[in-house]
Protein backbone atom coordinates (compact mmCIF):
# COMPACT_ATOMS: atom_id res chain seq x y z
CA MET A 1 -8.04 -13.12 15.98
CA THR A 2 -8.87 -15.72 13.64
CA TYR A 3 -6.54 -16.73 10.65
CA VAL A 4 -8.22 -18.04 6.80
CA ASN A 5 -6.63 -19.72 3.93
CA ILE A 6 -7.83 -18.62 0.78
CA THR A 7 -6.80 -18.89 -2.75
CA ILE A 8 -7.09 -15.30 -4.93
CA ARG A 9 -6.85 -15.61 -8.79
CA ASN A 10 -6.59 -13.26 -11.40
CA VAL A 11 -4.12 -11.05 -9.44
CA LYS A 12 -2.02 -9.02 -12.27
CA GLU A 13 1.95 -10.88 -11.18
CA GLN A 14 3.30 -7.76 -11.13
CA ALA A 15 1.83 -6.42 -9.00
CA LEU A 16 2.16 -10.07 -6.29
CA LEU A 17 5.89 -9.33 -7.20
CA GLU A 18 5.67 -5.91 -6.35
CA LEU A 19 3.69 -7.38 -2.99
CA LYS A 20 6.06 -9.68 -2.39
CA ALA A 21 9.42 -7.57 -2.77
CA GLU A 22 7.34 -4.68 -0.80
CA ALA A 23 7.22 -7.84 2.25
CA ALA A 24 10.28 -9.25 2.10
CA ARG A 25 12.33 -5.98 2.63
CA GLU A 26 10.22 -5.13 5.87
CA LYS A 27 10.67 -9.11 6.89
CA LYS A 28 6.57 -9.74 7.04
CA ASN A 29 5.57 -13.05 5.12
CA LEU A 30 2.90 -12.53 2.11
CA GLY A 31 0.17 -13.60 3.77
CA GLU A 32 0.57 -10.39 6.74
CA ALA A 33 1.34 -7.91 2.87
CA VAL A 34 -1.25 -9.57 1.88
CA THR A 35 -3.86 -8.64 5.31
CA GLU A 36 -2.51 -5.38 5.56
CA ALA A 37 -3.20 -4.41 2.07
CA ILE A 38 -7.05 -5.37 2.17
CA GLU A 39 -7.17 -3.77 5.69
CA TYR A 40 -6.08 -0.52 3.39
CA TYR A 41 -7.94 -1.16 1.22
CA VAL A 42 -11.34 -1.39 2.95
CA HIS A 43 -10.74 1.95 5.28
CA ASN A 44 -9.68 3.84 2.12
CA LYS A 45 -13.23 2.89 0.62
CA LYS A 46 -15.15 3.64 3.24
CA THR A 47 -13.53 7.15 3.78
CA PHE A 48 -14.66 7.76 0.22
CA LYS A 49 -18.07 6.55 1.34
CA LYS A 50 -18.61 8.87 3.43
CA LYS A 51 -20.19 12.13 3.02
CA GLY A 52 -18.09 15.35 2.30
CA ALA A 53 -14.93 12.25 2.23
CA LYS A 54 -12.06 14.65 0.17
CA PHE A 55 -8.80 13.06 -0.89
CA THR A 56 -7.03 15.07 2.69
CA ASP A 57 -8.92 12.54 4.75
CA LEU A 58 -5.91 9.76 3.58
CA LYS A 59 -3.77 8.96 5.99
CA PRO A 60 -0.16 9.22 5.21
CA VAL A 61 1.79 5.69 4.31
CA ASP A 62 5.10 5.55 5.72
CA PHE A 63 8.19 4.50 3.02
CA GLY A 64 10.33 4.24 5.46
CA LYS A 65 13.90 5.57 5.61
CA GLY A 66 15.36 7.43 3.01
CA SER A 67 12.10 8.06 1.34
CA GLU A 68 12.36 11.94 2.73
CA ARG A 69 13.18 13.86 -0.25
CA TRP A 70 11.84 12.15 -2.64
CA SER A 71 9.58 14.31 -4.11
CA THR A 72 12.23 16.78 -4.44
CA SER A 73 14.69 14.43 -6.38
CA ILE A 74 10.99 13.90 -8.18
CA ASP A 75 10.36 17.42 -8.68
CA GLU A 76 14.53 17.62 -9.80
CA ILE A 77 14.21 14.86 -12.41
CA LEU A 78 10.86 16.11 -14.34
CA TYR A 79 11.38 19.33 -14.27
CA SER A 80 15.38 20.09 -14.52
């Protein structure tokens, strides 16, 4: 596998901070996190370009331990 050094301009500061924080939580360096984000973006773009692609074609994302009840918790906050 070949790696390259790049410079990226016009990145939203908050998005970069969130990516760095998530990478740190997963014990990844920023390059690994950016690579993963690029691969995810490219894969999903291809999925939606296919004729007949649906929202349900997206692959689920694992947000880690403790996130299993997020939708229930969010519903409780929104609808109580």
